[in-house]
Amino acid sequence: MTVTVTEQAATRISEIAGSEPGSPVLRVSVEGGGCSGFQYKFDLTNARAADDFVIERAGAVVVIDPVSLQYMEGAEIDFVDDLIGAAFKIKNPVATASCGCGTSFSV
């Protein structure tokens, strides 16, 4: 299994990265904290590590470090724009519970 990026997410990542100087990528990581134990973090960065897991789709590049990847195996990164607001959402089969905001989870 691997992490995937939807077409909607790839389009939005390309839009965001294209408005920044250089050639930034979206770094997705998992950190301790949040109301459910772990939380997702999204950063635009020009830095890549040799051991990063790299996802490329439609001009968008997403990188995930190996430690975070083990908490996201099989996940799908999506971008949702609805009445509540626009945000990246992660559908994570490893997560056993998540909070209402969708950015923190437990395993």
PDB file of N, CA and C in Angstrom:
ATOM      1  N   MET A   1       0.833  -1.190   0.000  1.00  0.00           N
ATOM      2  CA  MET A   1       0.000   0.000   0.000  1.00  0.00           C
ATOM      3  C   MET A   1       0.872   1.246   0.000  1.00  0.00           C
ATOM      4  N   THR A   2       0.300   2.317  -0.457  1.00  0.00           N
ATOM      5  CA  THR A   2       1.034   3.563  -0.543  1.00  0.00           C
ATOM      6  C   THR A   2       0.094   4.744  -0.335  1.00  0.00           C
ATOM      7  N   VAL A   3       0.628   5.915  -0.216  1.00  0.00           N
ATOM      8  CA  VAL A   3      -0.178   7.125  -0.075  1.00  0.00           C
ATOM      9  C   VAL A   3      -0.489   7.659  -1.474  1.00  0.00           C
ATOM     10  N   THR A   4      -1.722   8.107  -1.683  1.00  0.00           N
ATOM     11  CA  THR A   4      -2.123   8.653  -2.975  1.00  0.00           C
ATOM     12  C   THR A   4      -2.606  10.089  -2.817  1.00  0.00           C
ATOM     13  N   VAL A   5      -2.610  10.806  -3.924  1.00  0.00           N
ATOM     14  CA  VAL A   5      -3.080  12.188  -3.976  1.00  0.00           C
ATOM     15  C   VAL A   5      -4.182  12.252  -5.021  1.00  0.00           C
ATOM     16  N   THR A   6      -5.347  12.803  -4.642  1.00  0.00           N
ATOM     17  CA  THR A   6      -6.444  12.916  -5.602  1.00  0.00           C
ATOM     18  C   THR A   6      -6.142  14.013  -6.619  1.00  0.00           C
ATOM     19  N   GLU A   7      -6.892  13.996  -7.711  1.00  0.00           N
ATOM     20  CA  GLU A   7      -6.731  15.017  -8.740  1.00  0.00           C
ATOM     21  C   GLU A   7      -7.022  16.408  -8.186  1.00  0.00           C
ATOM     22  N   GLN A   8      -8.060  16.514  -7.335  1.00  0.00           N
ATOM     23  CA  GLN A   8      -8.407  17.807  -6.736  1.00  0.00           C
ATOM     24  C   GLN A   8      -7.264  18.339  -5.869  1.00  0.00           C
ATOM     25  N   ALA A   9      -6.652  17.452  -5.090  1.00  0.00           N
ATOM     26  CA  ALA A   9      -5.531  17.862  -4.235  1.00  0.00           C
ATOM     27  C   ALA A   9      -4.329  18.264  -5.086  1.00  0.00           C
ATOM     28  N   ALA A  10      -4.039  17.492  -6.125  1.00  0.00           N
ATOM     29  CA  ALA A  10      -2.904  17.808  -6.997  1.00  0.00           C
ATOM     30  C   ALA A  10      -3.088  19.175  -7.654  1.00  0.00           C
ATOM     31  N   THR A  11      -4.299  19.456  -8.111  1.00  0.00           N
ATOM     32  CA  THR A  11      -4.582  20.752  -8.728  1.00  0.00           C
ATOM     33  C   THR A  11      -4.341  21.885  -7.743  1.00  0.00           C
ATOM     34  N   ARG A  12      -4.845  21.740  -6.524  1.00  0.00           N
ATOM     35  CA  ARG A  12      -4.689  22.800  -5.510  1.00  0.00           C
ATOM     36  C   ARG A  12      -3.224  22.957  -5.090  1.00  0.00           C
ATOM     37  N   ILE A  13      -2.509  21.861  -4.943  1.00  0.00           N
ATOM     38  CA  ILE A  13      -1.085  21.927  -4.584  1.00  0.00           C
ATOM     39  C   ILE A  13      -0.313  22.666  -5.671  1.00  0.00           C
ATOM     40  N   SER A  14      -0.602  22.367  -6.932  1.00  0.00           N
ATOM     41  CA  SER A  14       0.064  23.037  -8.051  1.00  0.00           C
ATOM     42  C   SER A  14      -0.222  24.531  -8.043  1.00  0.00           C
ATOM     43  N   GLU A  15      -1.468  24.903  -7.749  1.00  0.00           N
ATOM     44  CA  GLU A  15      -1.833  26.320  -7.678  1.00  0.00           C
ATOM     45  C   GLU A  15      -1.060  27.036  -6.577  1.00  0.00           C
ATOM     46  N   ILE A  16      -1.018  26.423  -5.406  1.00  0.00           N
ATOM     47  CA  ILE A  16      -0.337  27.034  -4.262  1.00  0.00           C
ATOM     48  C   ILE A  16       1.172  27.125  -4.517  1.00  0.00           C
ATOM     49  N   ALA A  17       1.767  26.019  -4.948  1.00  0.00           N
ATOM     50  CA  ALA A  17       3.215  25.988  -5.179  1.00  0.00           C
ATOM     51  C   ALA A  17       3.614  26.926  -6.313  1.00  0.00           C
ATOM     52  N   GLY A  18       2.752  27.047  -7.325  1.00  0.00           N
ATOM     53  CA  GLY A  18       3.050  27.916  -8.461  1.00  0.00           C
ATOM     54  C   GLY A  18       3.081  29.383  -8.109  1.00  0.00           C
ATOM     55  N   SER A  19       2.446  29.766  -7.016  1.00  0.00           N
ATOM     56  CA  SER A  19       2.428  31.169  -6.608  1.00  0.00           C
ATOM     57  C   SER A  19       3.595  31.521  -5.683  1.00  0.00           C
ATOM     58  N   GLU A  20       4.429  30.545  -5.369  1.00  0.00           N
ATOM     59  CA  GLU A  20       5.569  30.746  -4.470  1.00  0.00           C
ATOM     60  C   GLU A  20       6.872  30.776  -5.271  1.00  0.00           C
ATOM     61  N   PRO A  21       7.895  31.477  -4.772  1.00  0.00           N
ATOM     62  CA  PRO A  21       9.185  31.484  -5.465  1.00  0.00           C
ATOM     63  C   PRO A  21       9.877  30.122  -5.391  1.00  0.00           C
ATOM     64  N   GLY A  22      10.675  29.831  -6.393  1.00  0.00           N
ATOM     65  CA  GLY A  22      11.373  28.554  -6.436  1.00  0.00           C
ATOM     66  C   GLY A  22      10.447  27.462  -6.915  1.00  0.00           C
ATOM     67  N   SER A  23      10.743  26.251  -6.524  1.00  0.00           N
ATOM     68  CA  SER A  23       9.915  25.099  -6.879  1.00  0.00           C
ATOM     69  C   SER A  23       9.546  24.337  -5.620  1.00  0.00           C
ATOM     70  N   PRO A  24       8.683  24.920  -4.787  1.00  0.00           N
ATOM     71  CA  PRO A  24       8.365  24.257  -3.519  1.00  0.00           C
ATOM     72  C   PRO A  24       7.530  22.992  -3.712  1.00  0.00           C
ATOM     73  N   VAL A  25       7.640  22.112  -2.734  1.00  0.00           N
ATOM     74  CA  VAL A  25       6.833  20.897  -2.680  1.00  0.00           C
ATOM     75  C   VAL A  25       6.004  20.951  -1.401  1.00  0.00           C
ATOM     76  N   LEU A  26       4.961  20.162  -1.352  1.00  0.00           N
ATOM     77  CA  LEU A  26       4.151  20.077  -0.142  1.00  0.00           C
ATOM     78  C   LEU A  26       4.684  18.955   0.725  1.00  0.00           C
ATOM     79  N   ARG A  27       5.131  19.294   1.923  1.00  0.00           N
ATOM     80  CA  ARG A  27       5.575  18.275   2.878  1.00  0.00           C
ATOM     81  C   ARG A  27       4.422  17.990   3.827  1.00  0.00           C
ATOM     82  N   VAL A  28       4.027  16.717   3.895  1.00  0.00           N
ATOM     83  CA  VAL A  28       2.998  16.271   4.822  1.00  0.00           C
ATOM     84  C   VAL A  28       3.699  15.436   5.879  1.00  0.00           C
ATOM     85  N   SER A  29       3.454  15.760   7.133  1.00  0.00           N
ATOM     86  CA  SER A  29       4.088  15.008   8.211  1.00  0.00           C
ATOM     87  C   SER A  29       3.082  14.743   9.327  1.00  0.00           C
ATOM     88  N   VAL A  30       3.433  13.817  10.183  1.00  0.00           N
ATOM     89  CA  VAL A  30       2.621  13.466  11.342  1.00  0.00           C
ATOM     90  C   VAL A  30       3.422  13.824  12.582  1.00  0.00           C
ATOM     91  N   GLU A  31       2.773  14.556  13.489  1.00  0.00           N
ATOM     92  CA  GLU A  31       3.424  14.973  14.735  1.00  0.00           C
ATOM     93  C   GLU A  31       2.563  14.567  15.909  1.00  0.00           C
ATOM     94  N   GLY A  32       3.179  14.431  17.066  1.00  0.00           N
ATOM     95  CA  GLY A  32       2.430  14.187  18.285  1.00  0.00           C
ATOM     96  C   GLY A  32       1.657  15.436  18.655  1.00  0.00           C
ATOM     97  N   GLY A  33       0.461  15.251  19.181  1.00  0.00           N
ATOM     98  CA  GLY A  33      -0.345  16.396  19.597  1.00  0.00           C
ATOM     99  C   GLY A  33      -1.745  16.312  19.035  1.00  0.00           C
ATOM    100  N   GLY A  34      -2.453  17.395  19.120  1.00  0.00           N
ATOM    101  CA  GLY A  34      -3.838  17.396  18.667  1.00  0.00           C
ATOM    102  C   GLY A  34      -4.723  16.741  19.707  1.00  0.00           C
ATOM    103  N   CYS A  35      -6.009  16.821  19.514  1.00  0.00           N
ATOM    104  CA  CYS A  35      -6.940  16.291  20.512  1.00  0.00           C
ATOM    105  C   CYS A  35      -7.068  14.774  20.461  1.00  0.00           C
ATOM    106  N   SER A  36      -6.519  14.128  19.428  1.00  0.00           N
ATOM    107  CA  SER A  36      -6.628  12.670  19.338  1.00  0.00           C
ATOM    108  C   SER A  36      -5.284  11.959  19.452  1.00  0.00           C
ATOM    109  N   GLY A  37      -4.197  12.673  19.679  1.00  0.00           N
ATOM    110  CA  GLY A  37      -2.899  12.035  19.884  1.00  0.00           C
ATOM    111  C   GLY A  37      -1.862  12.365  18.825  1.00  0.00           C
ATOM    112  N   PHE A  38      -2.273  12.376  17.553  1.00  0.00           N
ATOM    113  CA  PHE A  38      -1.389  12.734  16.449  1.00  0.00           C
ATOM    114  C   PHE A  38      -2.093  13.784  15.608  1.00  0.00           C
ATOM    115  N   GLN A  39      -1.290  14.582  14.884  1.00  0.00           N
ATOM    116  CA  GLN A  39      -1.895  15.560  13.988  1.00  0.00           C
ATOM    117  C   GLN A  39      -1.079  15.662  12.703  1.00  0.00           C
ATOM    118  N   TYR A  40      -1.758  16.011  11.626  1.00  0.00           N
ATOM    119  CA  TYR A  40      -1.106  16.211  10.339  1.00  0.00           C
ATOM    120  C   TYR A  40      -0.565  17.628  10.269  1.00  0.00           C
ATOM    121  N   LYS A  41       0.564  17.769   9.609  1.00  0.00           N
ATOM    122  CA  LYS A  41       1.159  19.084   9.401  1.00  0.00           C
ATOM    123  C   LYS A  41       1.442  19.218   7.905  1.00  0.00           C
ATOM    124  N   PHE A  42       1.103  20.374   7.337  1.00  0.00           N
ATOM    125  CA  PHE A  42       1.316  20.653   5.926  1.00  0.00           C
ATOM    126  C   PHE A  42       2.243  21.856   5.815  1.00  0.00           C
ATOM    127  N   ASP A  43       3.332  21.718   5.059  1.00  0.00           N
ATOM    128  CA  ASP A  43       4.294  22.804   4.865  1.00  0.00           C
ATOM    129  C   ASP A  43       4.726  22.867   3.408  1.00  0.00           C
ATOM    130  N   LEU A  44       4.869  24.072   2.872  1.00  0.00           N
ATOM    131  CA  LEU A  44       5.527  24.253   1.584  1.00  0.00           C
ATOM    132  C   LEU A  44       7.004  24.402   1.863  1.00  0.00           C
ATOM    133  N   THR A  45       7.831  23.655   1.151  1.00  0.00           N
ATOM    134  CA  THR A  45       9.264  23.696   1.400  1.00  0.00           C
ATOM    135  C   THR A  45      10.025  23.436   0.108  1.00  0.00           C
ATOM    136  N   ASN A  46      11.238  23.924   0.054  1.00  0.00           N
ATOM    137  CA  ASN A  46      12.131  23.613  -1.062  1.00  0.00           C
ATOM    138  C   ASN A  46      13.093  22.496  -0.674  1.00  0.00           C
ATOM    139  N   ALA A  47      13.050  22.059   0.585  1.00  0.00           N
ATOM    140  CA  ALA A  47      13.976  21.047   1.082  1.00  0.00           C
ATOM    141  C   ALA A  47      13.372  19.649   0.953  1.00  0.00           C
ATOM    142  N   ARG A  48      14.174  18.756   0.423  1.00  0.00           N
ATOM    143  CA  ARG A  48      13.805  17.334   0.343  1.00  0.00           C
ATOM    144  C   ARG A  48      14.926  16.512   0.947  1.00  0.00           C
ATOM    145  N   ALA A  49      14.555  15.450   1.625  1.00  0.00           N
ATOM    146  CA  ALA A  49      15.547  14.528   2.175  1.00  0.00           C
ATOM    147  C   ALA A  49      15.666  13.326   1.236  1.00  0.00           C
ATOM    148  N   ALA A  50      16.817  12.678   1.250  1.00  0.00           N
ATOM    149  CA  ALA A  50      17.063  11.543   0.366  1.00  0.00           C
ATOM    150  C   ALA A  50      16.101  10.390   0.631  1.00  0.00           C
ATOM    151  N   ASP A  51      15.631  10.259   1.878  1.00  0.00           N
ATOM    152  CA  ASP A  51      14.758   9.132   2.212  1.00  0.00           C
ATOM    153  C   ASP A  51      13.270   9.489   2.207  1.00  0.00           C
ATOM    154  N   ASP A  52      12.913  10.674   1.703  1.00  0.00           N
ATOM    155  CA  ASP A  52      11.502  11.060   1.604  1.00  0.00           C
ATOM    156  C   ASP A  52      10.764  10.171   0.612  1.00  0.00           C
ATOM    157  N   PHE A  53       9.525   9.865   0.928  1.00  0.00           N
ATOM    158  CA  PHE A  53       8.616   9.212  -0.011  1.00  0.00           C
ATOM    159  C   PHE A  53       8.045  10.336  -0.872  1.00  0.00           C
ATOM    160  N   VAL A  54       8.131  10.210  -2.196  1.00  0.00           N
ATOM    161  CA  VAL A  54       7.734  11.273  -3.112  1.00  0.00           C
ATOM    162  C   VAL A  54       6.534  10.825  -3.942  1.00  0.00           C
ATOM    163  N   ILE A  55       5.516  11.685  -3.986  1.00  0.00           N
ATOM    164  CA  ILE A  55       4.332  11.449  -4.804  1.00  0.00           C
ATOM    165  C   ILE A  55       4.265  12.591  -5.813  1.00  0.00           C
ATOM    166  N   GLU A  56       4.163  12.259  -7.092  1.00  0.00           N
ATOM    167  CA  GLU A  56       4.026  13.273  -8.129  1.00  0.00           C
ATOM    168  C   GLU A  56       2.754  12.999  -8.911  1.00  0.00           C
ATOM    169  N   ARG A  57       1.947  14.046  -9.065  1.00  0.00           N
ATOM    170  CA  ARG A  57       0.723  13.915  -9.845  1.00  0.00           C
ATOM    171  C   ARG A  57       0.362  15.270 -10.435  1.00  0.00           C
ATOM    172  N   ALA A  58       0.163  15.300 -11.737  1.00  0.00           N
ATOM    173  CA  ALA A  58      -0.305  16.499 -12.443  1.00  0.00           C
ATOM    174  C   ALA A  58       0.498  17.747 -12.085  1.00  0.00           C
ATOM    175  N   GLY A  59       1.808  17.621 -11.990  1.00  0.00           N
ATOM    176  CA  GLY A  59       2.658  18.764 -11.683  1.00  0.00           C
ATOM    177  C   GLY A  59       2.834  19.058 -10.209  1.00  0.00           C
ATOM    178  N   ALA A  60       2.084  18.379  -9.352  1.00  0.00           N
ATOM    179  CA  ALA A  60       2.200  18.574  -7.910  1.00  0.00           C
ATOM    180  C   ALA A  60       3.171  17.544  -7.335  1.00  0.00           C
ATOM    181  N   VAL A  61       3.942  17.979  -6.345  1.00  0.00           N
ATOM    182  CA  VAL A  61       4.874  17.076  -5.673  1.00  0.00           C
ATOM    183  C   VAL A  61       4.595  17.123  -4.178  1.00  0.00           C
ATOM    184  N   VAL A  62       4.402  15.938  -3.585  1.00  0.00           N
ATOM    185  CA  VAL A  62       4.183  15.786  -2.149  1.00  0.00           C
ATOM    186  C   VAL A  62       5.297  14.904  -1.612  1.00  0.00           C
ATOM    187  N   VAL A  63       5.902  15.294  -0.497  1.00  0.00           N
ATOM    188  CA  VAL A  63       6.929  14.464   0.139  1.00  0.00           C
ATOM    189  C   VAL A  63       6.502  14.140   1.566  1.00  0.00           C
ATOM    190  N   ILE A  64       6.858  12.925   1.992  1.00  0.00           N
ATOM    191  CA  ILE A  64       6.519  12.444   3.337  1.00  0.00           C
ATOM    192  C   ILE A  64       7.751  11.748   3.901  1.00  0.00           C
ATOM    193  N   ASP A  65       8.136  12.110   5.122  1.00  0.00           N
ATOM    194  CA  ASP A  65       9.292  11.469   5.744  1.00  0.00           C
ATOM    195  C   ASP A  65       8.943  10.038   6.153  1.00  0.00           C
ATOM    196  N   PRO A  66       9.947   9.164   6.303  1.00  0.00           N
ATOM    197  CA  PRO A  66       9.688   7.749   6.606  1.00  0.00           C
ATOM    198  C   PRO A  66       8.919   7.496   7.901  1.00  0.00           C
ATOM    199  N   VAL A  67       9.165   8.280   8.935  1.00  0.00           N
ATOM    200  CA  VAL A  67       8.451   8.079  10.199  1.00  0.00           C
ATOM    201  C   VAL A  67       6.967   8.406  10.029  1.00  0.00           C
ATOM    202  N   SER A  68       6.669   9.527   9.376  1.00  0.00           N
ATOM    203  CA  SER A  68       5.277   9.901   9.141  1.00  0.00           C
ATOM    204  C   SER A  68       4.587   8.906   8.226  1.00  0.00           C
ATOM    205  N   LEU A  69       5.325   8.378   7.253  1.00  0.00           N
ATOM    206  CA  LEU A  69       4.749   7.445   6.291  1.00  0.00           C
ATOM    207  C   LEU A  69       4.162   6.212   6.966  1.00  0.00           C
ATOM    208  N   GLN A  70       4.793   5.739   8.021  1.00  0.00           N
ATOM    209  CA  GLN A  70       4.268   4.545   8.693  1.00  0.00           C
ATOM    210  C   GLN A  70       2.906   4.796   9.345  1.00  0.00           C
ATOM    211  N   TYR A  71       2.583   6.058   9.646  1.00  0.00           N
ATOM    212  CA  TYR A  71       1.275   6.407  10.202  1.00  0.00           C
ATOM    213  C   TYR A  71       0.252   6.746   9.115  1.00  0.00           C
ATOM    214  N   MET A  72       0.715   6.774   7.865  1.00  0.00           N
ATOM    215  CA  MET A  72      -0.160   7.178   6.763  1.00  0.00           C
ATOM    216  C   MET A  72      -0.286   6.120   5.674  1.00  0.00           C
ATOM    217  N   GLU A  73       0.236   4.944   5.895  1.00  0.00           N
ATOM    218  CA  GLU A  73       0.232   3.898   4.874  1.00  0.00           C
ATOM    219  C   GLU A  73      -1.189   3.636   4.379  1.00  0.00           C
ATOM    220  N   GLY A  74      -1.374   3.758   3.067  1.00  0.00           N
ATOM    221  CA  GLY A  74      -2.684   3.519   2.459  1.00  0.00           C
ATOM    222  C   GLY A  74      -3.595   4.735   2.453  1.00  0.00           C
ATOM    223  N   ALA A  75      -3.106   5.875   2.919  1.00  0.00           N
ATOM    224  CA  ALA A  75      -3.941   7.077   3.026  1.00  0.00           C
ATOM    225  C   ALA A  75      -4.131   7.753   1.664  1.00  0.00           C
ATOM    226  N   GLU A  76      -5.177   8.565   1.602  1.00  0.00           N
ATOM    227  CA  GLU A  76      -5.465   9.364   0.418  1.00  0.00           C
ATOM    228  C   GLU A  76      -5.513  10.827   0.836  1.00  0.00           C
ATOM    229  N   ILE A  77      -4.732  11.661   0.152  1.00  0.00           N
ATOM    230  CA  ILE A  77      -4.734  13.098   0.414  1.00  0.00           C
ATOM    231  C   ILE A  77      -5.685  13.731  -0.588  1.00  0.00           C
ATOM    232  N   ASP A  78      -6.690  14.430  -0.092  1.00  0.00           N
ATOM    233  CA  ASP A  78      -7.717  15.032  -0.933  1.00  0.00           C
ATOM    234  C   ASP A  78      -7.821  16.514  -0.598  1.00  0.00           C
ATOM    235  N   PHE A  79      -8.441  17.276  -1.488  1.00  0.00           N
ATOM    236  CA  PHE A  79      -8.740  18.672  -1.225  1.00  0.00           C
ATOM    237  C   PHE A  79     -10.235  18.856  -1.381  1.00  0.00           C
ATOM    238  N   VAL A  80     -10.868  19.394  -0.335  1.00  0.00           N
ATOM    239  CA  VAL A  80     -12.320  19.560  -0.326  1.00  0.00           C
ATOM    240  C   VAL A  80     -12.639  21.045  -0.214  1.00  0.00           C
ATOM    241  N   ASP A  81     -13.536  21.504  -1.070  1.00  0.00           N
ATOM    242  CA  ASP A  81     -13.985  22.891  -1.049  1.00  0.00           C
ATOM    243  C   ASP A  81     -15.510  22.853  -0.968  1.00  0.00           C
ATOM    244  N   ASP A  82     -16.047  23.066   0.250  1.00  0.00           N
ATOM    245  CA  ASP A  82     -17.494  22.998   0.439  1.00  0.00           C
ATOM    246  C   ASP A  82     -17.984  24.194   1.249  1.00  0.00           C
ATOM    247  N   LEU A  83     -19.215  24.167   1.677  1.00  0.00           N
ATOM    248  CA  LEU A  83     -19.795  25.296   2.411  1.00  0.00           C
ATOM    249  C   LEU A  83     -19.068  25.610   3.710  1.00  0.00           C
ATOM    250  N   ILE A  84     -18.499  24.604   4.335  1.00  0.00           N
ATOM    251  CA  ILE A  84     -17.790  24.791   5.598  1.00  0.00           C
ATOM    252  C   ILE A  84     -16.433  25.447   5.382  1.00  0.00           C
ATOM    253  N   GLY A  85     -15.829  25.222   4.224  1.00  0.00           N
ATOM    254  CA  GLY A  85     -14.531  25.808   3.920  1.00  0.00           C
ATOM    255  C   GLY A  85     -13.728  24.905   3.006  1.00  0.00           C
ATOM    256  N   ALA A  86     -12.558  25.351   2.665  1.00  0.00           N
ATOM    257  CA  ALA A  86     -11.658  24.603   1.796  1.00  0.00           C
ATOM    258  C   ALA A  86     -10.473  24.114   2.619  1.00  0.00           C
ATOM    259  N   ALA A  87     -10.125  22.833   2.441  1.00  0.00           N
ATOM    260  CA  ALA A  87      -9.018  22.279   3.215  1.00  0.00           C
ATOM    261  C   ALA A  87      -8.542  20.969   2.613  1.00  0.00           C
ATOM    262  N   PHE A  88      -7.290  20.639   2.913  1.00  0.00           N
ATOM    263  CA  PHE A  88      -6.789  19.315   2.579  1.00  0.00           C
ATOM    264  C   PHE A  88      -7.336  18.349   3.625  1.00  0.00           C
ATOM    265  N   LYS A  89      -7.795  17.196   3.179  1.00  0.00           N
ATOM    266  CA  LYS A  89      -8.318  16.158   4.071  1.00  0.00           C
ATOM    267  C   LYS A  89      -7.555  14.872   3.791  1.00  0.00           C
ATOM    268  N   ILE A  90      -7.255  14.135   4.825  1.00  0.00           N
ATOM    269  CA  ILE A  90      -6.561  12.867   4.674  1.00  0.00           C
ATOM    270  C   ILE A  90      -7.477  11.743   5.128  1.00  0.00           C
ATOM    271  N   LYS A  91      -7.757  10.831   4.206  1.00  0.00           N
ATOM    272  CA  LYS A  91      -8.520   9.622   4.530  1.00  0.00           C
ATOM    273  C   LYS A  91      -7.485   8.559   4.853  1.00  0.00           C
ATOM    274  N   ASN A  92      -7.397   8.216   6.138  1.00  0.00           N
ATOM    275  CA  ASN A  92      -6.313   7.369   6.626  1.00  0.00           C
ATOM    276  C   ASN A  92      -6.850   6.063   7.204  1.00  0.00           C
ATOM    277  N   PRO A  93      -6.592   4.921   6.531  1.00  0.00           N
ATOM    278  CA  PRO A  93      -7.078   3.648   7.049  1.00  0.00           C
ATOM    279  C   PRO A  93      -6.357   3.175   8.308  1.00  0.00           C
ATOM    280  N   VAL A  94      -5.209   3.762   8.617  1.00  0.00           N
ATOM    281  CA  VAL A  94      -4.459   3.403   9.822  1.00  0.00           C
ATOM    282  C   VAL A  94      -5.094   4.026  11.064  1.00  0.00           C
ATOM    283  N   ALA A  95      -5.759   5.164  10.877  1.00  0.00           N
ATOM    284  CA  ALA A  95      -6.360   5.876  12.004  1.00  0.00           C
ATOM    285  C   ALA A  95      -7.554   5.109  12.556  1.00  0.00           C
ATOM    286  N   THR A  96      -7.588   4.953  13.871  1.00  0.00           N
ATOM    287  CA  THR A  96      -8.716   4.270  14.517  1.00  0.00           C
ATOM    288  C   THR A  96      -9.771   5.250  14.984  1.00  0.00           C
ATOM    289  N   ALA A  97      -9.388   6.526  15.127  1.00  0.00           N
ATOM    290  CA  ALA A  97     -10.330   7.575  15.533  1.00  0.00           C
ATOM    291  C   ALA A  97      -9.769   8.911  15.070  1.00  0.00           C
ATOM    292  N   SER A  98     -10.643   9.865  14.887  1.00  0.00           N
ATOM    293  CA  SER A  98     -10.194  11.212  14.534  1.00  0.00           C
ATOM    294  C   SER A  98     -11.098  12.227  15.184  1.00  0.00           C
ATOM    295  N   CYS A  99     -10.636  13.456  15.222  1.00  0.00           N
ATOM    296  CA  CYS A  99     -11.423  14.506  15.856  1.00  0.00           C
ATOM    297  C   CYS A  99     -12.331  15.164  14.819  1.00  0.00           C
ATOM    298  N   GLY A 100     -13.185  16.026  15.254  1.00  0.00           N
ATOM    299  CA  GLY A 100     -14.133  16.691  14.368  1.00  0.00           C
ATOM    300  C   GLY A 100     -13.473  17.598  13.351  1.00  0.00           C
ATOM    301  N   CYS A 101     -12.318  18.162  13.680  1.00  0.00           N
ATOM    302  CA  CYS A 101     -11.659  19.077  12.746  1.00  0.00           C
ATOM    303  C   CYS A 101     -10.963  18.339  11.601  1.00  0.00           C
ATOM    304  N   GLY A 102     -10.712  17.044  11.793  1.00  0.00           N
ATOM    305  CA  GLY A 102     -10.106  16.248  10.727  1.00  0.00           C
ATOM    306  C   GLY A 102      -8.602  16.348  10.630  1.00  0.00           C
ATOM    307  N   THR A 103      -7.956  17.099  11.520  1.00  0.00           N
ATOM    308  CA  THR A 103      -6.503  17.216  11.432  1.00  0.00           C
ATOM    309  C   THR A 103      -5.774  16.385  12.486  1.00  0.00           C
ATOM    310  N   SER A 104      -6.488  15.820  13.432  1.00  0.00           N
ATOM    311  CA  SER A 104      -5.811  14.959  14.390  1.00  0.00           C
ATOM    312  C   SER A 104      -6.485  13.595  14.402  1.00  0.00           C
ATOM    313  N   PHE A 105      -5.689  12.592  14.818  1.00  0.00           N
ATOM    314  CA  PHE A 105      -6.168  11.208  14.765  1.00  0.00           C
ATOM    315  C   PHE A 105      -5.430  10.366  15.796  1.00  0.00           C
ATOM    316  N   SER A 106      -5.921   9.167  16.014  1.00  0.00           N
ATOM    317  CA  SER A 106      -5.233   8.206  16.873  1.00  0.00           C
ATOM    318  C   SER A 106      -5.103   6.892  16.124  1.00  0.00           C
ATOM    319  N   VAL A 107      -4.144   6.080  16.553  1.00  0.00           N
ATOM    320  CA  VAL A 107      -3.914   4.765  15.940  1.00  0.00           C
ATOM    321  C   VAL A 107      -4.030   3.678  16.977  1.00  0.00           C
TER     322      VAL A 107
END
